[in-house]
Protein backbone atom coordinates (compact mmCIF):
# COMPACT_ATOMS: atom_id res chain seq x y z
CA UNK A 1 34.40 3.50 19.76
CA UNK A 2 30.76 3.25 20.72
CA UNK A 3 29.42 -0.29 20.88
CA UNK A 4 25.72 -0.62 20.11
CA UNK A 5 23.76 -3.49 21.64
CA UNK A 6 21.43 -5.62 19.55
CA UNK A 7 17.75 -4.88 19.96
CA UNK A 8 16.66 -8.52 19.99
CA UNK A 9 14.13 -9.16 22.77
CA UNK A 10 13.90 -12.99 22.51
CA UNK A 11 17.48 -13.93 23.37
CA UNK A 12 16.39 -16.24 26.21
CA UNK A 13 14.45 -18.49 23.79
CA UNK A 14 17.42 -19.08 21.48
CA UNK A 15 20.82 -20.63 22.08
CA UNK A 16 23.73 -18.23 21.52
CA UNK A 17 25.86 -21.04 20.10
CA UNK A 18 23.43 -21.40 17.19
CA UNK A 19 23.22 -17.67 16.44
CA UNK A 20 25.34 -15.43 14.22
CA UNK A 21 25.22 -11.63 14.39
CA UNK A 22 26.37 -8.65 12.37
CA UNK A 23 25.73 -4.93 12.45
CA UNK A 24 26.84 -1.70 10.79
CA UNK A 25 26.44 1.86 11.99
CA UNK A 26 27.18 5.40 10.79
CA UNK A 27 25.36 4.59 7.55
CA UNK A 28 24.67 7.46 5.19
CA UNK A 29 21.20 6.27 4.11
CA UNK A 30 17.57 6.79 4.99
CA UNK A 31 16.56 4.74 8.02
CA UNK A 32 13.02 4.48 6.60
CA UNK A 33 14.29 2.76 3.46
CA UNK A 34 16.51 0.49 5.57
CA UNK A 35 13.53 -0.45 7.77
CA UNK A 36 11.43 -1.30 4.70
CA UNK A 37 14.17 -3.59 3.32
CA UNK A 38 14.62 -5.29 6.70
CA UNK A 39 10.86 -5.85 7.05
CA UNK A 40 10.80 -7.74 3.75
CA UNK A 41 13.83 -9.89 4.66
CA UNK A 42 12.85 -10.86 8.20
CA UNK A 43 11.85 -14.53 8.48
CA UNK A 44 13.45 -15.63 5.20
CA UNK A 45 16.24 -18.19 4.85
CA UNK A 46 19.58 -16.44 4.46
CA UNK A 47 20.12 -17.59 0.86
CA UNK A 48 16.67 -16.41 -0.19
CA UNK A 49 17.37 -13.08 1.46
CA UNK A 50 20.54 -12.67 -0.60
CA UNK A 51 18.62 -13.50 -3.79
CA UNK A 52 15.87 -11.04 -2.87
CA UNK A 53 18.36 -8.23 -2.25
CA UNK A 54 20.07 -9.03 -5.54
CA UNK A 55 16.72 -8.65 -7.30
CA UNK A 56 16.17 -5.30 -5.57
CA UNK A 57 19.56 -4.10 -6.81
CA UNK A 58 18.50 -5.06 -10.34
CA UNK A 59 15.27 -3.04 -10.13
CA UNK A 60 12.66 -5.08 -8.21
CA UNK A 61 10.47 -2.88 -5.95
CA UNK A 62 10.34 -3.18 -2.17
CA UNK A 63 7.04 -3.28 -0.30
CA UNK A 64 6.52 -0.34 2.09
CA UNK A 65 4.20 -1.14 4.97
CA UNK A 66 4.91 2.18 6.69
CA UNK A 67 5.81 5.66 5.49
CA UNK A 68 3.88 5.03 2.29
CA UNK A 69 1.65 8.10 2.14
CA UNK A 70 1.16 9.28 -1.46
CA UNK A 71 3.37 6.43 -2.67
CA UNK A 72 2.89 4.78 -6.04
CA UNK A 73 1.44 1.30 -6.55
CA UNK A 74 3.67 -1.31 -8.19
CA UNK A 75 2.54 -3.98 -10.61
CA UNK A 76 5.21 -6.42 -9.38
CA UNK A 77 3.73 -6.20 -5.86
CA UNK A 78 0.15 -6.92 -7.04
CA UNK A 79 -0.87 -3.28 -6.76
CA UNK A 80 0.68 -2.62 -3.34
CA UNK A 81 2.77 0.42 -2.50
CA UNK A 82 6.49 0.17 -3.09
CA UNK A 83 9.72 1.93 -3.95
CA UNK A 84 13.23 1.19 -5.25
CA UNK A 85 15.70 1.72 -2.34
CA UNK A 86 18.86 0.49 -4.08
CA UNK A 87 21.24 2.28 -1.71
CA UNK A 88 19.61 0.81 1.40
CA UNK A 89 19.58 -2.68 -0.15
CA UNK A 90 23.36 -2.51 -0.70
CA UNK A 91 23.99 -1.80 2.98
CA UNK A 92 21.60 -4.52 4.18
CA UNK A 93 23.15 -7.03 1.77
CA UNK A 94 26.60 -6.24 3.17
CA UNK A 95 25.44 -6.80 6.76
CA UNK A 96 23.70 -10.05 5.79
CA UNK A 97 26.80 -11.41 4.06
CA UNK A 98 28.88 -10.55 7.16
CA UNK A 99 26.41 -12.44 9.36
CA UNK A 100 26.56 -15.45 7.03
CA UNK A 101 30.37 -15.38 7.19
CA UNK A 102 30.19 -15.35 10.99
CA UNK A 103 27.81 -18.32 10.83
CA UNK A 104 30.18 -20.33 8.63
CA UNK A 105 32.94 -19.57 11.13
CA UNK A 106 30.77 -21.17 13.83
CA UNK A 107 29.85 -24.08 11.57
CA UNK A 108 26.13 -23.33 11.34
CA UNK A 109 23.79 -24.56 8.60
CA UNK A 110 20.19 -23.96 7.52
CA UNK A 111 20.41 -20.30 8.41
CA UNK A 112 17.24 -18.25 8.91
CA UNK A 113 16.99 -14.50 9.42
CA UNK A 114 15.29 -14.26 12.80
CA UNK A 115 16.05 -10.58 13.33
CA UNK A 116 16.67 -7.70 10.91
CA UNK A 117 16.14 -4.12 11.99
CA UNK A 118 17.27 -0.57 11.30
CA UNK A 119 17.15 2.54 13.46
CA UNK A 120 18.04 6.18 13.29
CA UNK A 121 21.40 6.77 14.94
CA UNK A 122 22.39 10.44 15.02
CA UNK A 123 21.41 13.84 13.66
CA UNK A 124 24.13 16.35 12.81
CA UNK A 125 22.88 19.91 12.30
CA UNK A 126 23.77 21.52 9.00
CA UNK A 127 23.12 24.95 7.54
CA UNK A 128 20.48 25.37 4.89
CA UNK A 129 21.49 24.90 1.30
CA UNK A 130 21.75 27.83 -1.08
CA UNK A 131 18.46 29.14 -2.32
CA UNK A 132 16.43 27.55 0.48
CA UNK A 133 15.34 28.71 3.89
CA UNK A 134 14.99 25.25 5.47
CA UNK A 135 17.82 23.43 7.19
CA UNK A 136 18.90 20.06 5.82
CA UNK A 137 20.35 18.03 8.71
CA UNK A 138 22.71 15.11 8.18
CA UNK A 139 21.19 11.88 9.58
CA UNK A 140 22.87 8.51 10.05
CA UNK A 141 21.41 5.05 10.64
CA UNK A 142 22.40 1.60 11.82
CA UNK A 143 21.45 -1.93 10.72
CA UNK A 144 21.62 -5.23 12.58
CA UNK A 145 20.98 -8.81 11.42
CA UNK A 146 20.82 -12.05 13.44
CA UNK A 147 20.78 -15.54 11.92
CA UNK A 148 19.69 -18.80 13.59
CA UNK A 149 21.03 -22.33 12.99
CA UNK A 150 19.56 -25.84 13.00
CA UNK A 151 18.68 -26.06 16.69
CA UNK A 152 16.41 -23.04 16.47
CA UNK A 153 14.50 -24.20 13.38
CA UNK A 154 11.92 -26.17 15.41
CA UNK A 155 11.43 -23.23 17.73
CA UNK A 156 10.88 -20.99 14.72
CA UNK A 157 8.27 -23.42 13.34
CA UNK A 158 6.44 -23.35 16.66
CA UNK A 159 6.50 -19.56 16.64
CA UNK A 160 5.15 -19.46 13.09
CA UNK A 161 2.31 -21.80 14.07
CA UNK A 162 1.46 -19.58 17.03
CA UNK A 163 1.50 -16.51 14.81
CA UNK A 164 -0.79 -18.20 12.28
CA UNK A 165 -3.19 -19.29 15.02
CA UNK A 166 -3.28 -15.77 16.44
CA UNK A 167 -3.90 -14.35 12.97
CA UNK A 168 -6.79 -16.79 12.40
CA UNK A 169 -8.29 -15.92 15.77
CA UNK A 170 -8.05 -12.21 15.00
CA UNK A 171 -9.66 -12.72 11.60
CA UNK A 172 -12.53 -14.72 13.13
CA UNK A 173 -13.02 -12.07 15.81
CA UNK A 174 -13.08 -9.35 13.15
CA UNK A 175 -15.73 -11.26 11.16
CA UNK A 176 -17.85 -11.73 14.28
CA UNK A 177 -17.64 -8.04 15.10
CA UNK A 178 -18.66 -7.14 11.53
CA UNK A 179 -21.68 -9.46 11.74
CA UNK A 180 -22.70 -8.02 15.11
CA UNK A 181 -22.34 -4.47 13.81
CA UNK A 182 -24.44 -5.32 10.75
CA UNK A 183 -27.24 -6.80 12.88
CA UNK A 184 -27.15 -3.83 15.23
CA UNK A 185 -27.34 -1.41 12.29
CA UNK A 186 -30.33 -3.26 10.85
CA UNK A 187 -32.17 -3.20 14.16
CA UNK A 188 -31.43 0.48 14.70
CA UNK A 189 -32.73 1.29 11.22
CA UNK A 190 -35.95 -0.61 11.95
CA UNK A 191 -36.41 1.21 15.25
CA UNK A 192 -35.76 4.59 13.61
CA UNK A 193 -38.31 3.85 10.88
CA UNK A 194 -40.92 2.82 13.47
CA UNK A 195 -40.35 5.96 15.53
CA UNK A 196 -40.59 8.17 12.44
CA UNK A 197 -43.84 6.53 11.37
CA UNK A 198 -45.35 6.92 14.85
CA UNK A 199 -44.35 10.60 14.99
CA UNK A 200 -45.82 11.34 11.59
CA UNK A 201 -49.10 9.64 12.54
CA UNK A 202 -49.32 11.69 15.76
CA UNK A 203 -48.46 15.00 14.10
CA UNK A 204 -51.09 14.69 11.35
CA UNK A 205 -54.43 16.20 12.59
CA UNK A 206 -57.63 14.28 12.09
CA UNK A 207 -59.20 15.19 8.79
CA UNK A 208 -62.55 16.97 9.25
CA UNK A 209 -65.43 16.01 6.94
CA UNK A 210 -65.81 18.57 4.24
CA UNK A 211 -69.09 20.51 4.44
CA UNK A 212 -71.24 20.55 1.32
CA UNK A 213 -70.98 23.84 -0.47
CA UNK A 214 -74.34 25.66 -0.96
CA UNK A 215 -75.42 25.83 -4.52
CA UNK A 216 -75.51 29.28 -5.97
CA UNK A 217 -78.93 30.43 -7.15
CA UNK A 218 -79.03 30.94 -10.84
CA UNK A 219 -80.07 34.49 -11.88
CA UNK A 220 -83.53 34.73 -13.31
CA UNK A 221 -83.57 35.00 -17.05
CA UNK A 222 -84.59 38.41 -18.30
CA UNK A 223 -87.97 38.51 -19.88
CA UNK A 224 -87.86 39.03 -23.52
CA UNK A 225 -89.78 42.00 -24.73
């Protein structure tokens, strides 16, 4: 059997004793839907993640940050784009429950989902279906979830603070750039107006004084007989 490694890049910052893992592969589901579900779960406490997935199974929409072209807006998401990936939510819920069971086996508490991801696994070529000229390949996906225990909670708080600080700095930088662009646009408009006015004044020829028109001599009145 093929053993897939976890794609978690921050292993050195966390202690393995306070981590619980679970994964599933050869899943017959869209990896895009699985990625959307994992994006909405990542960073939640494990119990809240289970409640969220339960709500999705009952009909709550999932926010799609990617692959949302020509996608409908949902009232439950405050007008943001979403969909109802029930099949993907079932698989992610199964992997999350397995990770929570592994955590209870280790004696971990206060579990937080520090990593949840999905990827495309394999593509099996298939012949086109009847009545169509396009091939419909069979694609599989894989899901992985990692939970953290009590010792990693402080580290997670520090990371959240850093993320918030970086977000604030980016927002301030964006506002400064907007202000600079607005001032530059105003100055360019003023310069363009001045140049246009100067060109129009140069192009107009000096108006010559109009000469007085000579008065036409009135014809002499015919003498009456």
